[in-house]
Amino acid sequence: MHLQLIIACVAAVAVAAPQYSYDAPRAASSEEVEFVPILKDDRVHKEDGTYNFDFEAANGISFSQAGSPDGDEDAVIKAGEYSYTAPDGTEIHLRFVADENGFQPQGAHLPVAPEFPHPIPQFVLDQIAFAAEEDRNRSDDSDEVSAPSRLYGRPN
């Protein structure tokens, strides 16, 4: 009886075992993998927390950054730049500062907000004029400052 129970348990475990195999991902062929030599990889980390590094690859990608601790909360102020060629052939060059004012990128490829004052659409000007007219009409009806409407009071 015990032997039958043991055989049943072993059979249950065998049936429950995964019925698939796993192959680690790999490149389709060595011809599809591009080897890009690293031309420069300089890194300096000092004991006071300051650091800088410069990286450059043969395919035109470059990245440099420097930083230092600032303040009591171990915040780090960083400044740097990176550049690469986008898939469409556009040269991308971005400079940045990251400090107490946040990340501040600068680059010719970044979108720019329209300059202010920009033209105000006519429908907006019409609405402003309509609201001003309503305010004039309301003040003409009574010279006193009216109390808030009871329509918006607390429900009973």
Protein backbone atom coordinates (compact mmCIF):
# COMPACT_ATOMS: atom_id res chain seq x y z
CA MET A 1 0.00 0.00 0.00
CA HIS A 2 2.80 2.41 0.88
CA LEU A 3 4.64 1.42 -2.25
CA GLN A 4 1.62 2.30 -4.38
CA LEU A 5 1.37 5.71 -2.69
CA ILE A 6 5.06 6.43 -3.33
CA ILE A 7 4.75 5.37 -6.97
CA ALA A 8 1.67 7.61 -7.37
CA CYS A 9 3.54 10.59 -5.89
CA VAL A 10 6.55 10.05 -8.15
CA ALA A 11 4.26 9.78 -11.17
CA ALA A 12 2.43 12.98 -10.18
CA VAL A 13 5.73 14.88 -9.88
CA ALA A 14 6.90 13.57 -13.25
CA VAL A 15 3.68 14.63 -14.95
CA ALA A 16 3.79 18.07 -13.29
CA ALA A 17 7.38 18.74 -14.44
CA PRO A 18 7.67 21.38 -17.19
CA GLN A 19 7.45 19.86 -20.66
CA TYR A 20 9.50 22.52 -22.43
CA SER A 21 13.12 23.50 -22.71
CA TYR A 22 14.64 26.96 -22.44
CA ASP A 23 17.41 28.18 -24.69
CA ALA A 24 19.26 31.32 -23.72
CA PRO A 25 18.83 34.20 -26.18
CA ARG A 26 21.69 34.62 -28.61
CA ALA A 27 22.54 36.62 -31.67
CA ALA A 28 21.19 35.21 -34.94
CA SER A 29 24.64 35.29 -36.48
CA SER A 30 27.99 36.93 -35.87
CA GLU A 31 27.52 39.00 -39.04
CA GLU A 32 24.57 40.91 -37.51
CA VAL A 33 26.48 42.01 -34.40
CA GLU A 34 28.47 45.19 -34.95
CA PHE A 35 31.66 45.55 -32.99
CA VAL A 36 32.23 49.20 -32.04
CA PRO A 37 35.67 49.99 -30.62
CA ILE A 38 35.81 52.23 -27.57
CA LEU A 39 38.26 55.04 -28.24
CA LYS A 40 38.17 56.68 -24.82
CA ASP A 41 36.86 55.68 -21.40
CA ASP A 42 38.35 57.91 -18.71
CA ARG A 43 36.77 57.85 -15.25
CA VAL A 44 37.88 59.74 -12.14
CA HIS A 45 36.13 59.38 -8.76
CA LYS A 46 37.61 61.34 -5.90
CA GLU A 47 37.09 60.73 -2.20
CA ASP A 48 35.28 64.05 -1.74
CA GLY A 49 32.51 62.81 -4.05
CA THR A 50 33.48 64.73 -7.16
CA TYR A 51 33.75 62.78 -10.35
CA ASN A 52 34.13 63.13 -14.10
CA PHE A 53 34.19 60.80 -17.02
CA ASP A 54 34.67 60.94 -20.75
CA PHE A 55 33.55 58.25 -23.16
CA GLU A 56 33.93 58.07 -26.93
CA ALA A 57 33.18 55.24 -29.34
CA ALA A 58 34.31 54.80 -32.94
CA ASN A 59 30.72 55.15 -34.21
CA GLY A 60 30.59 58.80 -33.10
CA ILE A 61 28.84 58.37 -29.76
CA SER A 62 30.42 60.48 -27.04
CA PHE A 63 29.41 61.32 -23.50
CA SER A 64 31.11 63.38 -20.84
CA GLN A 65 29.92 64.40 -17.42
CA ALA A 66 31.25 65.96 -14.23
CA GLY A 67 29.59 66.20 -10.86
CA SER A 68 30.11 67.21 -7.28
CA PRO A 69 28.15 66.87 -4.04
CA ASP A 70 26.29 69.94 -2.87
CA GLY A 71 24.49 70.67 0.38
CA ASP A 72 23.60 68.62 3.42
CA GLU A 73 21.35 66.13 1.64
CA ASP A 74 24.08 64.60 -0.56
CA ALA A 75 22.59 66.16 -3.68
CA VAL A 76 24.89 66.06 -6.70
CA ILE A 77 25.21 68.86 -9.21
CA LYS A 78 26.00 67.51 -12.67
CA ALA A 79 26.96 69.05 -15.99
CA GLY A 80 27.81 67.32 -19.21
CA GLU A 81 27.10 66.68 -22.84
CA TYR A 82 26.52 63.85 -25.25
CA SER A 83 26.39 63.48 -29.00
CA TYR A 84 25.47 60.84 -31.54
CA THR A 85 24.06 60.46 -35.04
CA ALA A 86 20.32 59.74 -35.13
CA PRO A 87 19.01 56.98 -37.45
CA ASP A 88 17.86 59.64 -39.93
CA GLY A 89 21.42 61.04 -40.12
CA THR A 90 20.81 64.09 -37.90
CA GLU A 91 23.73 65.01 -35.68
CA ILE A 92 22.48 65.25 -32.10
CA HIS A 93 24.45 67.27 -29.57
CA LEU A 94 22.98 67.96 -26.14
CA ARG A 95 24.47 69.87 -23.23
CA PHE A 96 22.89 69.72 -19.79
CA VAL A 97 23.05 70.89 -16.21
CA ALA A 98 21.28 69.08 -13.40
CA ASP A 99 21.11 70.98 -10.12
CA GLU A 100 18.61 72.30 -7.59
CA ASN A 101 16.59 73.67 -10.53
CA GLY A 102 16.21 70.23 -12.14
CA PHE A 103 17.48 68.83 -15.44
CA GLN A 104 18.13 71.64 -17.95
CA PRO A 105 18.99 70.35 -21.42
CA GLN A 106 20.08 72.51 -24.35
CA GLY A 107 20.30 71.36 -27.94
CA ALA A 108 19.36 72.52 -31.43
CA HIS A 109 17.17 69.41 -31.90
CA LEU A 110 14.93 70.15 -28.88
CA PRO A 111 11.51 71.73 -29.46
CA VAL A 112 11.15 75.38 -28.51
CA ALA A 113 8.00 76.98 -27.14
CA PRO A 114 6.60 79.89 -29.15
CA GLU A 115 7.76 83.32 -28.07
CA PHE A 116 5.37 85.31 -25.95
CA PRO A 117 3.34 87.30 -26.59
CA HIS A 118 2.01 85.11 -29.34
CA PRO A 119 -1.12 86.06 -31.30
CA ILE A 120 -4.32 85.55 -29.30
CA PRO A 121 -7.08 83.86 -31.34
CA GLN A 122 -10.14 86.00 -32.08
CA PHE A 123 -12.56 83.65 -30.27
CA VAL A 124 -10.53 84.18 -27.07
CA LEU A 125 -10.65 87.98 -27.50
CA ASP A 126 -14.42 87.74 -28.08
CA GLN A 127 -14.86 85.74 -24.87
CA ILE A 128 -12.79 88.25 -22.87
CA ALA A 129 -14.92 91.11 -24.23
CA PHE A 130 -18.13 89.20 -23.41
CA ALA A 131 -17.00 88.59 -19.82
CA ALA A 132 -16.05 92.25 -19.41
CA GLU A 133 -19.49 93.28 -20.69
CA GLU A 134 -21.17 90.93 -18.19
CA ASP A 135 -19.09 92.42 -15.36
CA ARG A 136 -20.12 95.96 -16.38
CA ASN A 137 -23.81 94.98 -16.53
CA ARG A 138 -23.63 93.31 -13.15
CA SER A 139 -22.03 96.35 -11.50
CA ASP A 140 -24.60 98.68 -13.12
CA ASP A 141 -27.47 96.73 -11.50
CA SER A 142 -26.24 97.27 -7.96
CA ASP A 143 -23.64 99.50 -6.42
CA GLU A 144 -23.26 97.23 -3.42
CA VAL A 145 -21.11 94.16 -3.28
CA SER A 146 -23.48 91.23 -3.36
CA ALA A 147 -23.27 88.32 -0.96
CA PRO A 148 -22.54 84.86 -2.31
CA SER A 149 -25.54 83.06 -3.71
CA ARG A 150 -27.40 80.74 -1.36
CA LEU A 151 -27.86 78.31 -4.25
CA TYR A 152 -24.40 76.96 -3.55
CA GLY A 153 -24.89 76.59 0.19
CA ARG A 154 -24.62 73.48 2.28
CA PRO A 155 -27.28 70.86 1.51
CA ASN A 156 -29.98 70.29 4.14
